[in-house]
Amino acid sequence: MSNNEEYEQTQDDLDNHANQLNDNNDAYWQSRGEEERPDDWEDR
């Protein structure tokens, strides 16, 4: 893929990105090195 080609994101890509920005989602914590959302996530 050259620099001029735009990567077309799938809905799964977009969902994953949104989940990684949502601290109520396991993917958020997994992308930050945790196995899952911690029990005390609201206090962090």
PDB file of N, CA and C in Angstrom:
ATOM      1  N   MET A   1       0.859  -1.180   0.000  1.00  0.00           N
ATOM      2  CA  MET A   1       0.000   0.000   0.000  1.00  0.00           C
ATOM      3  C   MET A   1       0.894   1.228   0.000  1.00  0.00           C
ATOM      4  N   SER A   2       0.684   2.112  -0.916  1.00  0.00           N
ATOM      5  CA  SER A   2       1.487   3.332  -0.984  1.00  0.00           C
ATOM      6  C   SER A   2       0.921   4.379  -0.025  1.00  0.00           C
ATOM      7  N   ASN A   3       1.682   5.427   0.183  1.00  0.00           N
ATOM      8  CA  ASN A   3       1.240   6.503   1.074  1.00  0.00           C
ATOM      9  C   ASN A   3       0.003   7.210   0.558  1.00  0.00           C
ATOM     10  N   ASN A   4      -0.241   7.134  -0.745  1.00  0.00           N
ATOM     11  CA  ASN A   4      -1.388   7.825  -1.331  1.00  0.00           C
ATOM     12  C   ASN A   4      -2.674   7.028  -1.209  1.00  0.00           C
ATOM     13  N   GLU A   5      -2.565   5.744  -0.915  1.00  0.00           N
ATOM     14  CA  GLU A   5      -3.747   4.912  -0.793  1.00  0.00           C
ATOM     15  C   GLU A   5      -4.331   5.072   0.607  1.00  0.00           C
ATOM     16  N   GLU A   6      -5.637   5.214   0.663  1.00  0.00           N
ATOM     17  CA  GLU A   6      -6.303   5.360   1.947  1.00  0.00           C
ATOM     18  C   GLU A   6      -6.774   3.993   2.423  1.00  0.00           C
ATOM     19  N   TYR A   7      -6.521   3.698   3.696  1.00  0.00           N
ATOM     20  CA  TYR A   7      -6.973   2.430   4.272  1.00  0.00           C
ATOM     21  C   TYR A   7      -8.448   2.545   4.591  1.00  0.00           C
ATOM     22  N   GLU A   8      -9.236   1.637   4.060  1.00  0.00           N
ATOM     23  CA  GLU A   8     -10.670   1.650   4.327  1.00  0.00           C
ATOM     24  C   GLU A   8     -10.952   0.797   5.554  1.00  0.00           C
ATOM     25  N   GLN A   9     -11.469   1.436   6.588  1.00  0.00           N
ATOM     26  CA  GLN A   9     -11.747   0.723   7.830  1.00  0.00           C
ATOM     27  C   GLN A   9     -13.073  -0.007   7.737  1.00  0.00           C
ATOM     28  N   THR A  10     -13.085  -1.208   8.295  1.00  0.00           N
ATOM     29  CA  THR A  10     -14.324  -1.974   8.361  1.00  0.00           C
ATOM     30  C   THR A  10     -15.099  -1.547   9.606  1.00  0.00           C
ATOM     31  N   GLN A  11     -16.326  -1.982   9.702  1.00  0.00           N
ATOM     32  CA  GLN A  11     -17.117  -1.681  10.897  1.00  0.00           C
ATOM     33  C   GLN A  11     -16.463  -2.291  12.132  1.00  0.00           C
ATOM     34  N   ASP A  12     -15.854  -3.476  11.983  1.00  0.00           N
ATOM     35  CA  ASP A  12     -15.151  -4.096  13.106  1.00  0.00           C
ATOM     36  C   ASP A  12     -13.988  -3.225  13.571  1.00  0.00           C
ATOM     37  N   ASP A  13     -13.252  -2.632  12.623  1.00  0.00           N
ATOM     38  CA  ASP A  13     -12.157  -1.721  12.976  1.00  0.00           C
ATOM     39  C   ASP A  13     -12.685  -0.523  13.762  1.00  0.00           C
ATOM     40  N   LEU A  14     -13.775   0.047  13.289  1.00  0.00           N
ATOM     41  CA  LEU A  14     -14.355   1.218  13.939  1.00  0.00           C
ATOM     42  C   LEU A  14     -14.886   0.875  15.325  1.00  0.00           C
ATOM     43  N   ASP A  15     -15.529  -0.292  15.447  1.00  0.00           N
ATOM     44  CA  ASP A  15     -16.041  -0.736  16.750  1.00  0.00           C
ATOM     45  C   ASP A  15     -14.905  -0.964  17.732  1.00  0.00           C
ATOM     46  N   ASN A  16     -13.819  -1.594  17.261  1.00  0.00           N
ATOM     47  CA  ASN A  16     -12.680  -1.858  18.120  1.00  0.00           C
ATOM     48  C   ASN A  16     -12.069  -0.542  18.606  1.00  0.00           C
ATOM     49  N   HIS A  17     -11.942   0.412  17.707  1.00  0.00           N
ATOM     50  CA  HIS A  17     -11.384   1.718  18.079  1.00  0.00           C
ATOM     51  C   HIS A  17     -12.258   2.386  19.145  1.00  0.00           C
ATOM     52  N   ALA A  18     -13.555   2.366  18.945  1.00  0.00           N
ATOM     53  CA  ALA A  18     -14.470   2.966  19.914  1.00  0.00           C
ATOM     54  C   ALA A  18     -14.387   2.244  21.254  1.00  0.00           C
ATOM     55  N   ASN A  19     -14.325   0.924  21.222  1.00  0.00           N
ATOM     56  CA  ASN A  19     -14.247   0.144  22.458  1.00  0.00           C
ATOM     57  C   ASN A  19     -12.972   0.453  23.230  1.00  0.00           C
ATOM     58  N   GLN A  20     -11.863   0.686  22.513  1.00  0.00           N
ATOM     59  CA  GLN A  20     -10.595   0.971  23.170  1.00  0.00           C
ATOM     60  C   GLN A  20     -10.593   2.363  23.811  1.00  0.00           C
ATOM     61  N   LEU A  21     -11.543   3.204  23.464  1.00  0.00           N
ATOM     62  CA  LEU A  21     -11.661   4.529  24.064  1.00  0.00           C
ATOM     63  C   LEU A  21     -12.728   4.579  25.156  1.00  0.00           C
ATOM     64  N   ASN A  22     -13.412   3.464  25.388  1.00  0.00           N
ATOM     65  CA  ASN A  22     -14.520   3.388  26.340  1.00  0.00           C
ATOM     66  C   ASN A  22     -14.057   2.643  27.589  1.00  0.00           C
ATOM     67  N   ASP A  23     -13.874   3.372  28.707  1.00  0.00           N
ATOM     68  CA  ASP A  23     -13.339   2.735  29.913  1.00  0.00           C
ATOM     69  C   ASP A  23     -14.306   1.762  30.570  1.00  0.00           C
ATOM     70  N   ASN A  24     -15.502   1.630  30.024  1.00  0.00           N
ATOM     71  CA  ASN A  24     -16.466   0.646  30.502  1.00  0.00           C
ATOM     72  C   ASN A  24     -16.358  -0.656  29.705  1.00  0.00           C
ATOM     73  N   ASN A  25     -15.362  -0.760  28.828  1.00  0.00           N
ATOM     74  CA  ASN A  25     -15.226  -1.909  27.943  1.00  0.00           C
ATOM     75  C   ASN A  25     -13.911  -2.629  28.207  1.00  0.00           C
ATOM     76  N   ASP A  26     -13.932  -3.964  28.183  1.00  0.00           N
ATOM     77  CA  ASP A  26     -12.712  -4.748  28.404  1.00  0.00           C
ATOM     78  C   ASP A  26     -11.611  -4.374  27.419  1.00  0.00           C
ATOM     79  N   ALA A  27     -11.972  -4.046  26.174  1.00  0.00           N
ATOM     80  CA  ALA A  27     -10.958  -3.710  25.166  1.00  0.00           C
ATOM     81  C   ALA A  27     -10.153  -2.479  25.580  1.00  0.00           C
ATOM     82  N   TYR A  28     -10.779  -1.547  26.280  1.00  0.00           N
ATOM     83  CA  TYR A  28     -10.071  -0.365  26.783  1.00  0.00           C
ATOM     84  C   TYR A  28      -8.947  -0.806  27.703  1.00  0.00           C
ATOM     85  N   TRP A  29      -9.262  -1.684  28.637  1.00  0.00           N
ATOM     86  CA  TRP A  29      -8.283  -2.124  29.629  1.00  0.00           C
ATOM     87  C   TRP A  29      -7.255  -3.060  29.014  1.00  0.00           C
ATOM     88  N   GLN A  30      -7.688  -3.911  28.079  1.00  0.00           N
ATOM     89  CA  GLN A  30      -6.756  -4.822  27.418  1.00  0.00           C
ATOM     90  C   GLN A  30      -5.737  -4.045  26.596  1.00  0.00           C
ATOM     91  N   SER A  31      -6.154  -2.947  25.988  1.00  0.00           N
ATOM     92  CA  SER A  31      -5.221  -2.154  25.191  1.00  0.00           C
ATOM     93  C   SER A  31      -4.231  -1.396  26.079  1.00  0.00           C
ATOM     94  N   ARG A  32      -4.490  -1.413  27.385  1.00  0.00           N
ATOM     95  CA  ARG A  32      -3.604  -0.765  28.354  1.00  0.00           C
ATOM     96  C   ARG A  32      -2.907  -1.783  29.250  1.00  0.00           C
ATOM     97  N   GLY A  33      -2.876  -3.044  28.801  1.00  0.00           N
ATOM     98  CA  GLY A  33      -2.096  -4.068  29.479  1.00  0.00           C
ATOM     99  C   GLY A  33      -2.808  -4.861  30.553  1.00  0.00           C
ATOM    100  N   GLU A  34      -4.077  -4.612  30.757  1.00  0.00           N
ATOM    101  CA  GLU A  34      -4.848  -5.385  31.740  1.00  0.00           C
ATOM    102  C   GLU A  34      -5.513  -6.568  31.037  1.00  0.00           C
ATOM    103  N   GLU A  35      -5.854  -7.594  31.810  1.00  0.00           N
ATOM    104  CA  GLU A  35      -6.550  -8.742  31.213  1.00  0.00           C
ATOM    105  C   GLU A  35      -8.013  -8.429  30.914  1.00  0.00           C
ATOM    106  N   GLU A  36      -8.635  -7.632  31.780  1.00  0.00           N
ATOM    107  CA  GLU A  36     -10.029  -7.252  31.619  1.00  0.00           C
ATOM    108  C   GLU A  36     -10.277  -5.998  32.440  1.00  0.00           C
ATOM    109  N   ARG A  37     -11.498  -5.508  32.422  1.00  0.00           N
ATOM    110  CA  ARG A  37     -11.828  -4.320  33.214  1.00  0.00           C
ATOM    111  C   ARG A  37     -11.704  -4.658  34.694  1.00  0.00           C
ATOM    112  N   PRO A  38     -10.903  -3.908  35.437  1.00  0.00           N
ATOM    113  CA  PRO A  38     -10.758  -4.194  36.864  1.00  0.00           C
ATOM    114  C   PRO A  38     -12.035  -3.880  37.637  1.00  0.00           C
ATOM    115  N   ASP A  39     -12.186  -4.542  38.767  1.00  0.00           N
ATOM    116  CA  ASP A  39     -13.387  -4.314  39.586  1.00  0.00           C
ATOM    117  C   ASP A  39     -13.474  -2.870  40.073  1.00  0.00           C
ATOM    118  N   ASP A  40     -12.334  -2.238  40.294  1.00  0.00           N
ATOM    119  CA  ASP A  40     -12.323  -0.864  40.799  1.00  0.00           C
ATOM    120  C   ASP A  40     -12.140   0.168  39.687  1.00  0.00           C
ATOM    121  N   TRP A  41     -12.562  -0.163  38.472  1.00  0.00           N
ATOM    122  CA  TRP A  41     -12.313   0.694  37.306  1.00  0.00           C
ATOM    123  C   TRP A  41     -12.906   2.083  37.465  1.00  0.00           C
ATOM    124  N   GLU A  42     -14.018   2.204  38.187  1.00  0.00           N
ATOM    125  CA  GLU A  42     -14.646   3.526  38.344  1.00  0.00           C
ATOM    126  C   GLU A  42     -13.823   4.433  39.254  1.00  0.00           C
ATOM    127  N   ASP A  43     -12.999   3.862  40.108  1.00  0.00           N
ATOM    128  CA  ASP A  43     -12.168   4.641  41.032  1.00  0.00           C
ATOM    129  C   ASP A  43     -10.834   5.034  40.422  1.00  0.00           C
ATOM    130  N   ARG A  44     -10.491   4.489  39.273  1.00  0.00           N
ATOM    131  CA  ARG A  44      -9.184   4.763  38.673  1.00  0.00           C
ATOM    132  C   ARG A  44      -9.183   6.063  37.912  1.00  0.00           C
TER     133      ARG A  44
END
